[in-house]
Amino acid sequence: MKFYSQERVALFIDGANLYATARALGFDIDYKRLLDIFSSQCNLVRALYYTALVEDQEYSPIRPLVDWLDYNGYTMVTKPTKEFTDAAGRRKVKGNMDIELAVDAMEMLDHLDHIVLFSGDGDFRRLVETIQRRGRRVTVVSTLRSQPPMIADELRRQADIFIDLAELQSQIARQLPGDRSRSGERLRQGGYDEDHYLDDDYYEDEAV
């Protein structure tokens, strides 16, 4: 990773997009290891994690992760999801956090030298361009190694630095015991579950 030791850095994590990217690569993220890696590389000012929550359910599958992150060095930015039914009669849950992430990035810009965006969503290209015009560097973390790639081409080209999440896998992947497969029982590590999103249709508009 290309960081200067004294530059002020903030991580902006599009939670649903990062989860989908890691899943496409076949591993689960250890968020403690992720935070430790970036903290050792730079002056990490803040790590912000953005996700929408289903508030009318008795139990939200993402809540254990949200609570764990909130107590372990991450700033959580959440909002309620909106449920609707599409033309095929399927239940969809809309939880796009793009506006919240963009507003926070611009508001914090005067206190930062370098922004790390964990998302492959092409809608962020304009945000990245605007940040660069203010004299800051932008690193984007996503992947080209999935089929299809999770990173929008226009976002990758706009970024100052692109880090393929697959290159970080050995450093940030959650370690499974040797005798337990991914298809076995849930692994609980550090107080949160690996199954912290509902399914492929949980977010209606988080794709690239």
Protein backbone atom coordinates (compact mmCIF):
# COMPACT_ATOMS: atom_id res chain seq x y z
CA MET A 1 0.00 0.00 0.00
CA LYS A 2 1.21 3.48 -0.84
CA PHE A 3 0.87 5.69 2.22
CA TYR A 4 3.09 8.29 3.80
CA SER A 5 3.53 7.75 7.52
CA GLN A 6 2.34 11.22 8.54
CA GLU A 7 -0.51 11.76 6.10
CA ARG A 8 -3.97 11.92 7.64
CA VAL A 9 -6.12 9.11 6.28
CA ALA A 10 -9.76 8.14 6.66
CA LEU A 11 -11.44 4.93 5.53
CA PHE A 12 -14.90 5.23 3.99
CA ILE A 13 -16.44 1.76 3.81
CA ASP A 14 -19.53 1.07 1.72
CA GLY A 15 -20.57 -1.87 3.88
CA ALA A 16 -22.87 -3.73 1.50
CA ASN A 17 -20.51 -3.26 -1.45
CA LEU A 18 -17.46 -4.44 0.50
CA TYR A 19 -19.35 -7.47 1.79
CA ALA A 20 -20.40 -8.40 -1.75
CA THR A 21 -16.84 -7.95 -3.01
CA ALA A 22 -15.32 -10.18 -0.33
CA ARG A 23 -18.02 -12.79 -0.90
CA ALA A 24 -17.29 -12.75 -4.65
CA LEU A 25 -13.66 -13.52 -3.80
CA GLY A 26 -14.68 -16.30 -1.42
CA PHE A 27 -13.57 -15.01 1.98
CA ASP A 28 -14.85 -13.14 5.02
CA ILE A 29 -13.19 -10.00 6.36
CA ASP A 30 -11.63 -9.78 9.81
CA TYR A 31 -12.37 -6.12 10.55
CA LYS A 32 -9.91 -5.95 13.42
CA ARG A 33 -7.08 -7.03 11.15
CA LEU A 34 -8.26 -4.58 8.50
CA LEU A 35 -8.12 -1.68 10.95
CA ASP A 36 -4.73 -2.77 12.31
CA ILE A 37 -3.17 -2.90 8.83
CA PHE A 38 -4.18 0.62 7.91
CA SER A 39 -3.33 1.99 11.36
CA SER A 40 0.21 0.67 10.95
CA GLN A 41 0.64 2.29 7.51
CA CYS A 42 -0.48 5.87 8.16
CA ASN A 43 -2.00 8.35 10.58
CA LEU A 44 -5.49 6.87 10.55
CA VAL A 45 -7.93 9.58 11.61
CA ARG A 46 -11.21 7.71 11.21
CA ALA A 47 -12.70 4.51 9.83
CA LEU A 48 -16.35 4.99 8.86
CA TYR A 49 -18.65 2.08 8.01
CA TYR A 50 -21.90 2.78 6.15
CA THR A 51 -24.87 0.43 6.16
CA ALA A 52 -28.65 0.47 6.23
CA LEU A 53 -30.59 -1.44 8.89
CA VAL A 54 -33.96 -3.14 8.81
CA GLU A 55 -35.54 -1.61 11.90
CA ASP A 56 -38.92 -3.33 12.02
CA GLN A 57 -37.51 -6.84 12.44
CA GLU A 58 -37.22 -8.48 15.85
CA TYR A 59 -33.70 -9.55 14.90
CA SER A 60 -31.52 -7.92 12.26
CA PRO A 61 -28.78 -10.24 10.92
CA ILE A 62 -26.37 -7.33 10.55
CA ARG A 63 -26.87 -5.98 14.09
CA PRO A 64 -24.13 -8.12 15.75
CA LEU A 65 -21.58 -6.83 13.23
CA VAL A 66 -22.73 -3.22 13.63
CA ASP A 67 -22.48 -3.43 17.41
CA TRP A 68 -19.05 -5.06 17.27
CA LEU A 69 -17.65 -2.47 14.86
CA ASP A 70 -19.08 0.35 16.95
CA TYR A 71 -17.14 -0.86 20.01
CA ASN A 72 -13.93 -1.66 18.15
CA GLY A 73 -12.68 1.46 16.45
CA TYR A 74 -15.19 2.10 13.66
CA THR A 75 -17.58 5.01 13.31
CA MET A 76 -20.96 3.61 12.28
CA VAL A 77 -23.23 5.53 9.92
CA THR A 78 -26.62 3.87 9.54
CA LYS A 79 -30.15 4.60 8.41
CA PRO A 80 -33.38 2.60 8.12
CA THR A 81 -33.99 0.61 4.97
CA LYS A 82 -37.04 1.11 2.77
CA GLU A 83 -38.99 -1.94 1.67
CA PHE A 84 -40.89 -2.21 -1.62
CA THR A 85 -42.15 -4.82 -4.08
CA ASP A 86 -40.76 -4.88 -7.61
CA ALA A 87 -42.69 -5.54 -10.85
CA ALA A 88 -42.18 -9.30 -10.46
CA GLY A 89 -43.71 -9.24 -7.00
CA ARG A 90 -40.43 -9.82 -5.21
CA ARG A 91 -39.67 -8.15 -1.90
CA LYS A 92 -36.82 -5.67 -2.19
CA VAL A 93 -35.08 -3.68 0.51
CA LYS A 94 -33.50 -0.40 -0.54
CA GLY A 95 -30.59 0.82 1.54
CA ASN A 96 -28.28 2.99 -0.53
CA MET A 97 -25.78 4.98 1.57
CA ASP A 98 -24.01 6.88 -1.25
CA ILE A 99 -25.24 10.34 -0.25
CA GLU A 100 -24.27 9.91 3.40
CA LEU A 101 -20.79 8.73 2.47
CA ALA A 102 -20.25 11.54 -0.04
CA VAL A 103 -21.41 14.27 2.35
CA ASP A 104 -19.22 12.99 5.18
CA ALA A 105 -16.17 12.75 2.91
CA MET A 106 -16.55 16.36 1.78
CA GLU A 107 -17.19 17.61 5.32
CA MET A 108 -14.04 15.91 6.65
CA LEU A 109 -11.82 16.87 3.73
CA ASP A 110 -10.11 19.82 5.45
CA HIS A 111 -8.76 17.42 8.08
CA LEU A 112 -7.50 14.74 5.68
CA ASP A 113 -4.70 14.20 3.17
CA HIS A 114 -5.80 10.84 1.77
CA ILE A 115 -9.15 9.07 1.52
CA VAL A 116 -9.54 5.31 1.14
CA LEU A 117 -12.85 4.32 -0.43
CA PHE A 118 -13.97 0.71 -0.04
CA SER A 119 -16.43 0.43 -2.91
CA GLY A 120 -16.55 -0.40 -6.59
CA ASP A 121 -19.68 1.66 -7.25
CA GLY A 122 -19.21 3.83 -10.32
CA ASP A 123 -21.50 6.49 -8.84
CA PHE A 124 -18.56 7.54 -6.66
CA ARG A 125 -16.40 8.61 -9.62
CA ARG A 126 -17.58 12.22 -9.39
CA LEU A 127 -16.91 12.30 -5.65
CA VAL A 128 -13.38 11.02 -6.21
CA GLU A 129 -12.76 13.63 -8.89
CA THR A 130 -14.00 16.43 -6.62
CA ILE A 131 -11.78 15.28 -3.74
CA GLN A 132 -8.76 15.17 -6.06
CA ARG A 133 -9.44 18.73 -7.21
CA ARG A 134 -9.14 19.76 -3.56
CA GLY A 135 -5.59 18.38 -3.54
CA ARG A 136 -6.19 15.08 -1.77
CA ARG A 137 -5.28 11.58 -2.86
CA VAL A 138 -7.89 8.85 -3.21
CA THR A 139 -7.31 5.12 -2.97
CA VAL A 140 -10.13 2.80 -4.07
CA VAL A 141 -10.37 -0.77 -2.77
CA SER A 142 -12.43 -3.30 -4.74
CA THR A 143 -11.60 -6.14 -7.13
CA LEU A 144 -11.05 -6.99 -10.77
CA ARG A 145 -10.65 -10.69 -10.04
CA SER A 146 -14.30 -11.59 -9.66
CA GLN A 147 -16.61 -12.45 -12.54
CA PRO A 148 -17.86 -9.90 -13.34
CA PRO A 149 -15.41 -7.43 -11.75
CA MET A 150 -16.85 -5.57 -8.77
CA ILE A 151 -15.07 -2.32 -9.65
CA ALA A 152 -16.60 0.05 -12.21
CA ASP A 153 -13.99 0.90 -14.84
CA GLU A 154 -14.59 4.66 -14.59
CA LEU A 155 -14.01 4.60 -10.83
CA ARG A 156 -10.81 2.57 -11.15
CA ARG A 157 -9.41 4.95 -13.77
CA GLN A 158 -10.29 8.01 -11.68
CA ALA A 159 -8.60 6.77 -8.49
CA ASP A 160 -5.02 7.77 -7.71
CA ILE A 161 -4.38 4.28 -6.39
CA PHE A 162 -6.36 1.08 -6.89
CA ILE A 163 -5.95 -1.79 -4.43
CA ASP A 164 -7.43 -5.11 -5.39
CA LEU A 165 -9.08 -6.62 -2.32
CA ALA A 166 -7.74 -10.01 -3.40
CA GLU A 167 -4.21 -8.71 -2.72
CA LEU A 168 -5.17 -8.04 0.90
CA GLN A 169 -6.85 -11.39 1.45
CA SER A 170 -3.94 -13.04 3.22
CA GLN A 171 -3.75 -10.11 5.64
CA ILE A 172 -7.43 -9.47 6.39
CA ALA A 173 -9.27 -12.76 5.84
CA ARG A 174 -10.94 -14.29 8.88
CA GLN A 175 -9.16 -17.46 9.85
CA LEU A 176 -11.29 -20.60 9.80
CA PRO A 177 -10.26 -23.62 11.91
CA GLY A 178 -8.77 -26.31 9.71
CA ASP A 179 -11.55 -28.80 10.41
CA ARG A 180 -14.44 -26.45 9.66
CA SER A 181 -15.62 -25.63 6.14
CA ARG A 182 -17.53 -22.56 4.97
CA SER A 183 -20.60 -24.75 4.57
CA GLY A 184 -20.44 -25.85 8.21
CA GLU A 185 -21.75 -24.08 11.27
CA ARG A 186 -21.27 -20.32 11.62
CA LEU A 187 -17.94 -19.11 12.88
CA ARG A 188 -18.21 -16.58 15.67
CA GLN A 189 -15.04 -14.60 16.08
CA GLY A 190 -14.55 -11.37 17.97
CA GLY A 191 -18.24 -11.15 18.78
CA TYR A 192 -19.86 -11.04 15.35
CA ASP A 193 -21.32 -13.46 12.81
CA GLU A 194 -20.12 -14.04 9.27
CA ASP A 195 -23.75 -14.16 8.05
CA HIS A 196 -24.40 -10.47 8.57
CA TYR A 197 -26.37 -9.72 5.41
CA LEU A 198 -29.65 -11.27 4.37
CA ASP A 199 -29.23 -12.49 0.79
CA ASP A 200 -28.49 -11.35 -2.77
CA ASP A 201 -31.58 -9.13 -2.82
CA TYR A 202 -31.02 -7.44 0.53
CA TYR A 203 -29.93 -4.21 -1.14
CA GLU A 204 -31.71 -3.23 -4.31
CA ASP A 205 -29.25 -0.68 -5.65
CA GLU A 206 -25.81 -1.35 -4.24
CA ALA A 207 -24.38 -2.87 -7.43
CA VAL A 208 -21.62 -1.33 -9.54
